[in-house]
Protein backbone atom coordinates (compact mmCIF):
# COMPACT_ATOMS: atom_id res chain seq x y z
CA MET A 1 4.46 -33.73 -13.30
CA ASN A 2 2.72 -30.36 -13.04
CA ARG A 3 0.00 -30.65 -10.39
CA ASN A 4 -2.33 -28.38 -12.40
CA ALA A 5 -1.94 -30.30 -15.65
CA MET A 6 -4.74 -32.68 -16.49
CA PRO A 7 -3.84 -36.12 -17.74
CA SER A 8 -4.02 -36.30 -21.52
CA GLY A 9 -6.95 -38.74 -21.32
CA ILE A 10 -9.08 -36.11 -19.64
CA ASN A 11 -7.92 -33.43 -22.09
CA ASP A 12 -8.81 -35.69 -25.00
CA ALA A 13 -12.18 -36.56 -23.48
CA LEU A 14 -13.04 -32.91 -22.83
CA GLY A 15 -11.87 -31.91 -26.31
CA ALA A 16 -14.07 -34.59 -27.87
CA PHE A 17 -17.02 -33.57 -25.69
CA PHE A 18 -16.68 -29.89 -26.65
CA LYS A 19 -16.38 -30.76 -30.33
CA ASN A 20 -19.31 -33.19 -30.31
CA THR A 21 -21.60 -30.74 -28.52
CA GLY A 22 -20.53 -27.71 -30.56
CA LEU A 23 -19.19 -25.92 -27.50
CA ASP A 24 -15.77 -25.57 -29.13
CA THR A 25 -17.36 -23.22 -31.67
CA VAL A 26 -19.02 -21.21 -28.92
CA PHE A 27 -15.72 -20.91 -27.06
CA LYS A 28 -13.85 -19.74 -30.16
CA GLU A 29 -16.55 -17.19 -30.98
CA TRP A 30 -16.49 -15.90 -27.40
CA GLU A 31 -12.69 -15.75 -27.56
CA THR A 32 -13.09 -13.40 -30.53
CA VAL A 33 -15.29 -11.05 -28.49
CA VAL A 34 -13.03 -11.16 -25.43
CA ASN A 35 -9.80 -10.68 -27.42
CA TRP A 36 -11.11 -8.02 -29.82
CA GLN A 37 -8.41 -5.50 -28.82
CA GLN A 38 -5.63 -7.93 -29.68
CA ILE A 39 -7.35 -9.04 -32.89
CA ALA A 40 -8.24 -5.57 -34.19
CA GLY A 41 -5.22 -3.71 -32.86
CA ASP A 42 -5.04 -0.61 -30.68
CA ARG A 43 -6.12 1.92 -33.30
CA ILE A 44 -9.33 0.12 -34.25
CA SER A 45 -10.17 -1.12 -30.77
CA GLN A 46 -10.06 2.45 -29.42
CA VAL A 47 -13.07 3.37 -31.58
CA THR A 48 -14.94 0.06 -31.48
CA GLN A 49 -16.52 -2.31 -29.03
CA CYS A 50 -17.02 -5.94 -29.98
CA ASP A 51 -20.49 -6.86 -28.83
CA ARG A 52 -21.51 -10.40 -29.73
CA VAL A 53 -21.60 -13.21 -32.29
CA GLU A 54 -24.92 -14.49 -33.62
CA ASP A 55 -25.30 -17.08 -36.37
CA GLY A 56 -21.77 -16.52 -37.68
CA VAL A 57 -22.04 -12.72 -37.63
CA LEU A 58 -19.79 -10.62 -35.40
CA TYR A 59 -21.42 -7.39 -34.23
CA VAL A 60 -19.10 -4.47 -33.54
CA LYS A 61 -20.24 -1.08 -32.24
CA VAL A 62 -18.38 1.82 -33.84
CA MET A 63 -18.03 5.29 -32.30
CA SER A 64 -18.49 7.32 -35.50
CA ALA A 65 -19.88 7.09 -39.03
CA PRO A 66 -16.54 7.82 -40.72
CA TRP A 67 -14.92 4.94 -38.82
CA ARG A 68 -17.86 2.68 -39.63
CA GLN A 69 -17.32 3.41 -43.33
CA GLU A 70 -13.57 2.81 -43.07
CA LEU A 71 -14.06 -0.50 -41.28
CA THR A 72 -16.30 -1.87 -44.03
CA TYR A 73 -13.16 -1.94 -46.21
CA LEU A 74 -11.27 -3.84 -43.51
CA LYS A 75 -13.72 -6.73 -43.05
CA GLU A 76 -11.63 -9.32 -44.86
CA PRO A 77 -8.35 -8.51 -43.07
CA LEU A 78 -10.22 -8.54 -39.74
CA LYS A 79 -11.79 -11.93 -40.49
CA GLU A 80 -8.34 -13.26 -41.39
CA SER A 81 -6.98 -11.89 -38.12
CA ILE A 82 -9.81 -13.57 -36.21
CA GLN A 83 -8.99 -16.92 -37.78
CA ARG A 84 -5.27 -16.48 -37.18
CA GLU A 85 -5.60 -15.34 -33.53
CA THR A 86 -8.43 -17.61 -32.34
CA GLY A 87 -8.79 -20.38 -34.88
CA CYS A 88 -12.46 -19.44 -35.21
CA GLU A 89 -13.70 -20.24 -38.70
CA THR A 90 -17.43 -19.79 -38.08
CA ILE A 91 -17.50 -15.98 -38.28
CA LYS A 92 -18.54 -15.32 -41.86
CA ASP A 93 -19.44 -11.62 -41.63
CA ILE A 94 -18.87 -8.57 -39.47
CA VAL A 95 -21.58 -5.95 -38.95
CA PHE A 96 -20.40 -2.52 -37.89
CA TYR A 97 -23.14 -0.45 -36.27
């Protein structure tokens, strides 16, 4: 048995606790912010900085107005990538600023 592995009972208990308290949502939203480069890809992440999630809205700082305009057309593919990469289904919109 791996010494670092938790028994499944503890994993199940922690999973249930996180789900019941809503912390699983917070973790998935934070995972989106932390893993923005992987989610958005190198080209987009070079000109953006993922800032925060508030009330289901992901806020992304963009380095230029032309990129901000371009990214508005990529909202849906980016939301799909977020769901695929993190399993986060609570992000309903992305604001590029």
